[in-house]
């Protein structure tokens, strides 16, 4: 099994390290926000929280993409 440093050094084919980092930062921010919302009692169940977050992520991704420079930008 590869260690984390090996995984970071080998981004998926066709993606730069910067693009992968930006994408992971986006996902981390989504999880951080979701955690705060769950802790605040915003959702009745974890399933409802996850389903809502998936909808929000898909909506955000439909409006954005990673440009050739590796930045997350609006379409």
Protein backbone atom coordinates (compact mmCIF):
# COMPACT_ATOMS: atom_id res chain seq x y z
CA UNK A 1 0.00 0.00 0.00
CA UNK A 2 1.38 3.44 -0.96
CA UNK A 3 2.08 5.95 1.74
CA UNK A 4 0.62 9.44 1.63
CA UNK A 5 3.80 11.12 0.39
CA UNK A 6 3.85 8.80 -2.63
CA UNK A 7 0.20 9.53 -3.36
CA UNK A 8 0.76 13.29 -3.19
CA UNK A 9 3.71 13.05 -5.58
CA UNK A 10 1.70 11.16 -8.18
CA UNK A 11 -1.49 13.03 -9.15
CA UNK A 12 -4.06 11.30 -11.36
CA UNK A 13 -3.12 11.18 -15.03
CA UNK A 14 -3.77 14.50 -16.73
CA UNK A 15 -3.92 16.54 -13.50
CA UNK A 16 -1.19 18.72 -12.09
CA UNK A 17 -0.21 18.58 -8.42
CA UNK A 18 -1.73 22.04 -8.02
CA UNK A 19 -5.06 20.92 -9.51
CA UNK A 20 -5.21 17.95 -7.16
CA UNK A 21 -4.34 20.17 -4.17
CA UNK A 22 -7.09 22.66 -5.09
CA UNK A 23 -9.63 19.88 -5.47
CA UNK A 24 -8.68 18.38 -2.11
CA UNK A 25 -8.86 21.80 -0.45
CA UNK A 26 -12.38 22.18 -1.86
CA UNK A 27 -13.44 18.80 -0.48
CA UNK A 28 -11.85 19.56 2.91
CA UNK A 29 -13.73 22.87 3.11
CA UNK A 30 -16.99 21.08 2.31
CA UNK A 31 -16.38 18.55 5.10
CA UNK A 32 -15.42 21.27 7.59
CA UNK A 33 -18.65 23.16 6.89
CA UNK A 34 -20.68 19.95 7.04
CA UNK A 35 -19.17 19.03 10.39
CA UNK A 36 -20.12 22.41 11.86
CA UNK A 37 -23.67 22.09 10.50
CA UNK A 38 -24.05 18.58 11.96
CA UNK A 39 -22.70 19.74 15.34
CA UNK A 40 -25.15 22.65 15.36
CA UNK A 41 -28.09 20.26 14.95
CA UNK A 42 -29.08 21.61 11.54
CA UNK A 43 -29.91 18.09 10.30
CA UNK A 44 -32.09 15.40 11.85
CA UNK A 45 -29.86 12.57 10.57
CA UNK A 46 -26.34 12.12 9.25
CA UNK A 47 -27.83 10.76 6.04
CA UNK A 48 -29.79 13.99 5.50
CA UNK A 49 -26.63 16.02 6.12
CA UNK A 50 -24.58 13.99 3.64
CA UNK A 51 -27.29 14.04 0.97
CA UNK A 52 -27.61 17.83 1.30
CA UNK A 53 -23.83 18.26 1.12
CA UNK A 54 -23.62 16.10 -2.01
CA UNK A 55 -26.26 18.27 -3.68
CA UNK A 56 -24.30 21.41 -2.76
CA UNK A 57 -21.00 19.95 -4.00
CA UNK A 58 -22.55 18.88 -7.31
CA UNK A 59 -24.10 22.34 -7.72
CA UNK A 60 -20.74 24.01 -7.03
CA UNK A 61 -18.92 21.68 -9.43
CA UNK A 62 -21.43 22.40 -12.19
CA UNK A 63 -20.39 26.07 -11.95
CA UNK A 64 -16.62 25.57 -11.64
CA UNK A 65 -13.68 23.78 -13.15
CA UNK A 66 -9.93 23.54 -12.69
CA UNK A 67 -8.14 25.63 -15.31
CA UNK A 68 -4.82 24.68 -16.96
CA UNK A 69 -2.95 26.60 -14.25
CA UNK A 70 -4.54 24.38 -11.60
CA UNK A 71 -6.92 26.97 -10.14
CA UNK A 72 -10.56 26.33 -9.33
CA UNK A 73 -12.45 28.93 -11.37
CA UNK A 74 -16.03 29.68 -12.34
CA UNK A 75 -17.12 28.35 -15.75
